[in-house]
Amino acid sequence: VVTVRALTNGEVRGCRERAGKNRLQYEHELISVAMTDPHMSVDEVAVWAEGDPDDPNDHGAPAGDVVAIMGTIQELSGLAEADATKSVPTVRKRQRR
């Protein structure tokens, strides 16, 4: 069992900046910032998710665990694809008098 929280816009931007175009690094950054219990550094998240590169028998966490945690973080933070337009108010043109 892990505990995660929503990320702020600034935190998400920071994760994107640190990861650059590396999608895997971006996920590790997001998990590291959002997971409050247990807290893990980005490097610890990488080892947990992908396995220890020095241990040929360590293949990392089951893919479903990583997907579930990322999904929860995205949902809490409003990053899920369905959320992208859900909370954006529409602007209707009004005729000027």
C-alpha atoms as a PDB file:
ATOM      1  CA  VAL A   1       0.000   0.000   0.000  1.00  0.00           C
ATOM      2  CA  VAL A   2       1.285   3.442  -0.959  1.00  0.00           C
ATOM      3  CA  THR A   3      -0.057   6.946  -0.413  1.00  0.00           C
ATOM      4  CA  VAL A   4       0.030   9.539  -3.174  1.00  0.00           C
ATOM      5  CA  ARG A   5      -1.174  13.113  -3.425  1.00  0.00           C
ATOM      6  CA  ALA A   6      -2.147  15.519  -6.172  1.00  0.00           C
ATOM      7  CA  LEU A   7       0.642  17.508  -7.784  1.00  0.00           C
ATOM      8  CA  THR A   8       0.585  21.250  -8.322  1.00  0.00           C
ATOM      9  CA  ASN A   9       1.024  22.799 -11.737  1.00  0.00           C
ATOM     10  CA  GLY A  10       4.511  23.951 -10.732  1.00  0.00           C
ATOM     11  CA  GLU A  11       5.502  20.462  -9.593  1.00  0.00           C
ATOM     12  CA  VAL A  12       4.345  18.930 -12.876  1.00  0.00           C
ATOM     13  CA  ARG A  13       6.233  21.586 -14.831  1.00  0.00           C
ATOM     14  CA  GLY A  14       9.363  20.880 -12.768  1.00  0.00           C
ATOM     15  CA  CYS A  15       9.065  17.153 -13.460  1.00  0.00           C
ATOM     16  CA  ARG A  16       8.761  17.843 -17.195  1.00  0.00           C
ATOM     17  CA  GLU A  17      11.763  20.164 -17.170  1.00  0.00           C
ATOM     18  CA  ARG A  18      13.963  17.690 -15.277  1.00  0.00           C
ATOM     19  CA  ALA A  19      12.933  14.739 -17.472  1.00  0.00           C
ATOM     20  CA  GLY A  20      13.157  16.511 -20.805  1.00  0.00           C
ATOM     21  CA  LYS A  21      11.803  14.213 -23.528  1.00  0.00           C
ATOM     22  CA  ASN A  22      12.470  11.044 -21.520  1.00  0.00           C
ATOM     23  CA  ARG A  23       8.963   9.673 -20.818  1.00  0.00           C
ATOM     24  CA  LEU A  24      10.206   7.027 -18.376  1.00  0.00           C
ATOM     25  CA  GLN A  25      12.172   9.629 -16.408  1.00  0.00           C
ATOM     26  CA  TYR A  26       9.043  11.839 -16.349  1.00  0.00           C
ATOM     27  CA  GLU A  27       7.018   9.009 -14.765  1.00  0.00           C
ATOM     28  CA  HIS A  28       9.742   8.415 -12.181  1.00  0.00           C
ATOM     29  CA  GLU A  29       9.811  12.143 -11.384  1.00  0.00           C
ATOM     30  CA  LEU A  30       6.021  12.300 -10.966  1.00  0.00           C
ATOM     31  CA  ILE A  31       5.929   9.240  -8.708  1.00  0.00           C
ATOM     32  CA  SER A  32       8.815  10.507  -6.590  1.00  0.00           C
ATOM     33  CA  VAL A  33       7.121  13.846  -5.952  1.00  0.00           C
ATOM     34  CA  ALA A  34       3.566  12.525  -5.494  1.00  0.00           C
ATOM     35  CA  MET A  35       4.249   9.442  -3.350  1.00  0.00           C
ATOM     36  CA  THR A  36       4.183  10.464   0.298  1.00  0.00           C
ATOM     37  CA  ASP A  37       4.352   7.042   1.910  1.00  0.00           C
ATOM     38  CA  PRO A  38       6.794   5.544   1.394  1.00  0.00           C
ATOM     39  CA  HIS A  39       8.798   8.485   0.130  1.00  0.00           C
ATOM     40  CA  MET A  40      11.274   7.534  -2.606  1.00  0.00           C
ATOM     41  CA  SER A  41      13.881   9.509  -4.498  1.00  0.00           C
ATOM     42  CA  VAL A  42      13.755   9.497  -8.295  1.00  0.00           C
ATOM     43  CA  ASP A  43      16.576   6.933  -8.346  1.00  0.00           C
ATOM     44  CA  GLU A  44      14.744   4.717  -5.839  1.00  0.00           C
ATOM     45  CA  VAL A  45      11.569   4.902  -7.938  1.00  0.00           C
ATOM     46  CA  ALA A  46      13.576   3.897 -11.025  1.00  0.00           C
ATOM     47  CA  VAL A  47      15.008   0.838  -9.253  1.00  0.00           C
ATOM     48  CA  TRP A  48      11.596  -0.105  -7.838  1.00  0.00           C
ATOM     49  CA  ALA A  49       9.832   0.294 -11.196  1.00  0.00           C
ATOM     50  CA  GLU A  50      12.482  -0.982 -13.604  1.00  0.00           C
ATOM     51  CA  GLY A  51      14.644  -3.216 -11.442  1.00  0.00           C
ATOM     52  CA  ASP A  52      18.199  -2.940 -10.176  1.00  0.00           C
ATOM     53  CA  PRO A  53      20.565  -2.776 -13.158  1.00  0.00           C
ATOM     54  CA  ASP A  54      23.232  -4.509 -11.038  1.00  0.00           C
ATOM     55  CA  ASP A  55      20.960  -7.474 -10.250  1.00  0.00           C
ATOM     56  CA  PRO A  56      20.051  -9.569 -13.318  1.00  0.00           C
ATOM     57  CA  ASN A  57      17.266 -11.272 -11.341  1.00  0.00           C
ATOM     58  CA  ASP A  58      15.535  -7.991 -10.377  1.00  0.00           C
ATOM     59  CA  HIS A  59      13.033  -7.085 -13.076  1.00  0.00           C
ATOM     60  CA  GLY A  60      11.227  -4.386 -11.090  1.00  0.00           C
ATOM     61  CA  ALA A  61       7.667  -3.998  -9.928  1.00  0.00           C
ATOM     62  CA  PRO A  62       4.785  -5.616 -11.770  1.00  0.00           C
ATOM     63  CA  ALA A  63       3.676  -3.311 -14.593  1.00  0.00           C
ATOM     64  CA  GLY A  64       0.182  -3.089 -13.106  1.00  0.00           C
ATOM     65  CA  ASP A  65       1.534  -1.528  -9.919  1.00  0.00           C
ATOM     66  CA  VAL A  66       3.283   1.274 -11.790  1.00  0.00           C
ATOM     67  CA  VAL A  67       0.258   1.849 -14.037  1.00  0.00           C
ATOM     68  CA  ALA A  68      -2.118   1.978 -11.046  1.00  0.00           C
ATOM     69  CA  ILE A  69       0.039   4.488  -9.182  1.00  0.00           C
ATOM     70  CA  MET A  70       0.521   6.682 -12.267  1.00  0.00           C
ATOM     71  CA  GLY A  71      -3.218   6.558 -12.987  1.00  0.00           C
ATOM     72  CA  THR A  72      -4.064   7.672  -9.475  1.00  0.00           C
ATOM     73  CA  ILE A  73      -1.531  10.521  -9.589  1.00  0.00           C
ATOM     74  CA  GLN A  74      -2.866  11.661 -12.975  1.00  0.00           C
ATOM     75  CA  GLU A  75      -6.452  11.531 -11.772  1.00  0.00           C
ATOM     76  CA  LEU A  76      -5.761  13.405  -8.531  1.00  0.00           C
ATOM     77  CA  SER A  77      -3.706  16.020 -10.375  1.00  0.00           C
ATOM     78  CA  GLY A  78      -6.135  16.501 -13.250  1.00  0.00           C
ATOM     79  CA  LEU A  79      -3.649  15.127 -15.774  1.00  0.00           C
ATOM     80  CA  ALA A  80      -5.791  12.269 -17.078  1.00  0.00           C
ATOM     81  CA  GLU A  81      -6.773  12.682 -20.741  1.00  0.00           C
ATOM     82  CA  ALA A  82     -10.478  12.812 -19.907  1.00  0.00           C
ATOM     83  CA  ASP A  83      -9.774  15.564 -17.365  1.00  0.00           C
ATOM     84  CA  ALA A  84      -7.967  17.730 -19.882  1.00  0.00           C
ATOM     85  CA  THR A  85     -11.165  19.324 -21.120  1.00  0.00           C
ATOM     86  CA  LYS A  86     -13.638  18.365 -18.415  1.00  0.00           C
ATOM     87  CA  SER A  87     -12.986  21.320 -16.132  1.00  0.00           C
ATOM     88  CA  VAL A  88     -12.205  23.935 -18.755  1.00  0.00           C
ATOM     89  CA  PRO A  89     -15.150  26.289 -19.008  1.00  0.00           C
ATOM     90  CA  THR A  90     -16.387  27.083 -22.463  1.00  0.00           C
ATOM     91  CA  VAL A  91     -16.669  30.640 -23.642  1.00  0.00           C
ATOM     92  CA  ARG A  92     -19.692  31.560 -25.710  1.00  0.00           C
ATOM     93  CA  LYS A  93     -19.639  34.556 -27.961  1.00  0.00           C
ATOM     94  CA  ARG A  94     -22.166  37.180 -27.058  1.00  0.00           C
ATOM     95  CA  GLN A  95     -23.450  39.674 -29.460  1.00  0.00           C
ATOM     96  CA  ARG A  96     -22.503  43.211 -28.561  1.00  0.00           C
ATOM     97  CA  ARG A  97     -25.254  45.727 -28.277  1.00  0.00           C
END
